[in-house]
Amino acid sequence: MTDRAPGSVDIHIVPVTKANRALVTALRLAPEQVDFVAGNADSLREARSDPDARPRAVMAGDQIVGFLMYDAPKDDDEARIYRFMIDRAWQGRGYGKAALRAVLEEIQGLGHVRHVSICYETRNEAARQLYRGAGFVEEGLDEDGEMIADLILAAAAR
């Protein structure tokens, strides 16, 4: 997906590969955000042992500006976005919103997913606003005290 307005940068997602892995692990959150998301290196290690994990680098043009990871098992109608971050130097430019649209488009393109869930720390108001703005509806807290939000995908888009 590309998200372009006049004079804006192309935002898209690409798989994390050996070639871009170091750049993904070098991404950093602001100090006050560190407790909100697992580290990218830990996430990529987790992805190696999870065949359903789909790690993605968020690109602004040819620059890696963020990271996300989701799963969408073929035998399940639910996809789960369980990592999502934009590097502290690139925040506040709309990249998170554009990356969320890109990953939702990718998930819809899989064809078997009917809804997408995401969890986030209840103290993370920026995440809450981002996901609410995309149509996610809060469902309640999970066993770790994180908010679960769900988005029903439009039937015509599947």
Protein backbone atom coordinates (compact mmCIF):
# COMPACT_ATOMS: atom_id res chain seq x y z
CA MET A 1 0.00 0.00 0.00
CA THR A 2 1.11 3.49 -0.63
CA ASP A 3 -0.31 6.42 1.25
CA ARG A 4 0.43 9.59 -0.67
CA ALA A 5 -0.83 13.10 -0.41
CA PRO A 6 0.63 15.94 -2.44
CA GLY A 7 4.17 16.52 -1.21
CA SER A 8 4.12 13.52 1.14
CA VAL A 9 6.33 10.47 1.42
CA ASP A 10 5.31 7.00 0.23
CA ILE A 11 4.46 4.85 3.30
CA HIS A 12 4.46 1.09 2.79
CA ILE A 13 5.38 -2.11 4.59
CA VAL A 14 7.86 -4.79 3.53
CA PRO A 15 8.92 -8.11 5.05
CA VAL A 16 11.82 -8.02 7.50
CA THR A 17 14.79 -9.73 5.84
CA LYS A 18 18.43 -10.39 6.63
CA ALA A 19 19.24 -7.25 4.65
CA ASN A 20 17.05 -4.90 6.74
CA ARG A 21 17.00 -6.70 10.09
CA ALA A 22 19.76 -4.58 11.70
CA LEU A 23 17.96 -1.38 10.73
CA VAL A 24 14.72 -2.69 12.25
CA THR A 25 16.45 -3.63 15.51
CA ALA A 26 18.08 -0.18 15.64
CA LEU A 27 14.69 1.57 15.80
CA ARG A 28 13.95 3.18 19.16
CA LEU A 29 10.95 4.44 21.09
CA ALA A 30 10.85 7.56 23.22
CA PRO A 31 11.83 6.75 26.84
CA GLU A 32 8.24 7.14 28.05
CA GLN A 33 7.06 4.58 25.45
CA VAL A 34 9.55 1.80 26.13
CA ASP A 35 7.19 -0.11 28.44
CA PHE A 36 4.41 -0.12 25.83
CA VAL A 37 5.95 -2.46 23.21
CA ALA A 38 8.35 -5.41 23.28
CA GLY A 39 11.75 -4.72 21.73
CA ASN A 40 12.16 -5.35 18.02
CA ALA A 41 15.08 -7.75 18.46
CA ASP A 42 12.99 -9.83 20.89
CA SER A 43 10.06 -9.76 18.47
CA LEU A 44 12.21 -10.94 15.57
CA ARG A 45 13.61 -13.79 17.70
CA GLU A 46 10.02 -14.74 18.55
CA ALA A 47 9.09 -14.67 14.85
CA ARG A 48 11.78 -17.25 14.03
CA SER A 49 9.95 -19.86 16.11
CA ASP A 50 6.42 -18.84 15.06
CA PRO A 51 5.55 -19.88 11.49
CA ASP A 52 2.46 -17.63 11.53
CA ALA A 53 4.37 -14.46 12.48
CA ARG A 54 4.68 -11.85 9.75
CA PRO A 55 7.26 -9.21 10.74
CA ARG A 56 7.16 -6.05 8.62
CA ALA A 57 9.35 -2.98 8.34
CA VAL A 58 7.49 0.31 7.93
CA MET A 59 9.04 2.31 5.12
CA ALA A 60 8.83 6.03 4.37
CA GLY A 61 10.20 6.06 0.84
CA ASP A 62 13.39 4.03 1.19
CA GLN A 63 13.88 4.79 4.92
CA ILE A 64 12.85 2.28 7.63
CA VAL A 65 10.82 4.24 10.17
CA GLY A 66 8.96 1.55 12.09
CA PHE A 67 8.17 -2.07 12.73
CA LEU A 68 5.05 -4.16 13.11
CA MET A 69 4.25 -7.83 13.37
CA TYR A 70 1.04 -9.76 12.96
CA ASP A 71 -0.18 -13.28 12.51
CA ALA A 72 -3.01 -14.59 10.38
CA PRO A 73 -3.14 -18.39 10.54
CA LYS A 74 -4.85 -19.91 7.50
CA ASP A 75 -7.15 -21.99 9.70
CA ASP A 76 -8.44 -18.92 11.58
CA ASP A 77 -10.59 -15.99 10.48
CA GLU A 78 -8.78 -13.63 12.87
CA ALA A 79 -5.51 -11.79 12.39
CA ARG A 80 -3.66 -10.38 15.39
CA ILE A 81 -1.40 -7.34 15.23
CA TYR A 82 0.84 -7.78 18.24
CA ARG A 83 3.73 -5.42 17.61
CA PHE A 84 3.52 -1.90 16.24
CA MET A 85 5.96 0.96 16.63
CA ILE A 86 7.29 4.01 14.84
CA ASP A 87 10.81 5.17 15.70
CA ARG A 88 10.88 8.18 18.02
CA ALA A 89 12.59 10.35 15.38
CA TRP A 90 9.76 9.72 12.90
CA GLN A 91 6.71 10.06 15.15
CA GLY A 92 4.13 12.79 14.68
CA ARG A 93 4.19 12.68 10.87
CA GLY A 94 1.19 10.39 10.26
CA TYR A 95 3.38 7.37 9.56
CA GLY A 96 1.65 5.23 12.19
CA LYS A 97 -1.76 5.89 10.69
CA ALA A 98 -0.50 5.17 7.18
CA ALA A 99 1.31 1.99 8.31
CA LEU A 100 -1.85 0.77 10.05
CA ARG A 101 -3.80 1.28 6.83
CA ALA A 102 -1.09 -0.60 4.92
CA VAL A 103 -1.10 -3.60 7.22
CA LEU A 104 -4.90 -3.74 7.25
CA GLU A 105 -4.85 -3.72 3.45
CA GLU A 106 -2.29 -6.53 3.43
CA ILE A 107 -4.39 -8.56 5.88
CA GLN A 108 -7.57 -8.01 3.84
CA GLY A 109 -5.70 -9.21 0.78
CA LEU A 110 -5.12 -12.59 2.42
CA GLY A 111 -8.79 -13.33 1.78
CA HIS A 112 -9.60 -15.49 4.82
CA VAL A 113 -9.56 -12.92 7.62
CA ARG A 114 -12.87 -11.55 8.92
CA HIS A 115 -11.58 -9.50 11.84
CA VAL A 116 -8.35 -8.10 13.24
CA SER A 117 -7.48 -7.77 16.91
CA ILE A 118 -4.82 -5.70 18.58
CA CYS A 119 -3.74 -5.32 22.21
CA TYR A 120 -2.17 -2.29 23.80
CA GLU A 121 -1.28 -0.90 27.19
CA THR A 122 -4.19 1.02 28.69
CA ARG A 123 -1.82 3.93 29.47
CA ASN A 124 -0.91 4.26 25.79
CA GLU A 125 -3.38 6.96 24.78
CA ALA A 126 -1.72 7.55 21.39
CA ALA A 127 -2.29 3.88 20.48
CA ARG A 128 -5.88 4.03 21.71
CA GLN A 129 -6.60 7.05 19.52
CA LEU A 130 -4.84 5.54 16.49
CA TYR A 131 -6.75 2.27 16.68
CA ARG A 132 -10.08 3.91 17.52
CA GLY A 133 -9.64 6.22 14.53
CA ALA A 134 -9.16 3.16 12.29
CA GLY A 135 -12.42 1.64 13.55
CA PHE A 136 -11.17 -0.74 16.23
CA VAL A 137 -13.63 -1.26 19.11
CA GLU A 138 -12.35 -1.95 22.61
CA GLU A 139 -13.49 -5.36 23.89
CA GLY A 140 -11.96 -5.41 27.39
CA LEU A 141 -8.74 -6.38 29.11
CA ASP A 142 -6.74 -9.54 28.47
CA GLU A 143 -5.07 -11.67 31.16
CA ASP A 144 -2.04 -9.32 31.16
CA GLY A 145 -4.17 -6.21 31.70
CA GLU A 146 -3.80 -4.97 28.12
CA MET A 147 -6.76 -3.61 26.20
CA ILE A 148 -8.06 -5.83 23.40
CA ALA A 149 -9.60 -4.02 20.44
CA ASP A 150 -11.21 -5.62 17.42
CA LEU A 151 -11.95 -4.49 13.87
CA ILE A 152 -14.50 -6.29 11.70
CA LEU A 153 -13.33 -6.21 8.09
CA ALA A 154 -15.85 -5.19 5.46
CA ALA A 155 -17.17 -8.21 3.54
CA ALA A 156 -16.64 -6.51 0.18
CA ALA A 157 -12.95 -6.05 0.97
CA ARG A 158 -12.33 -9.75 1.60
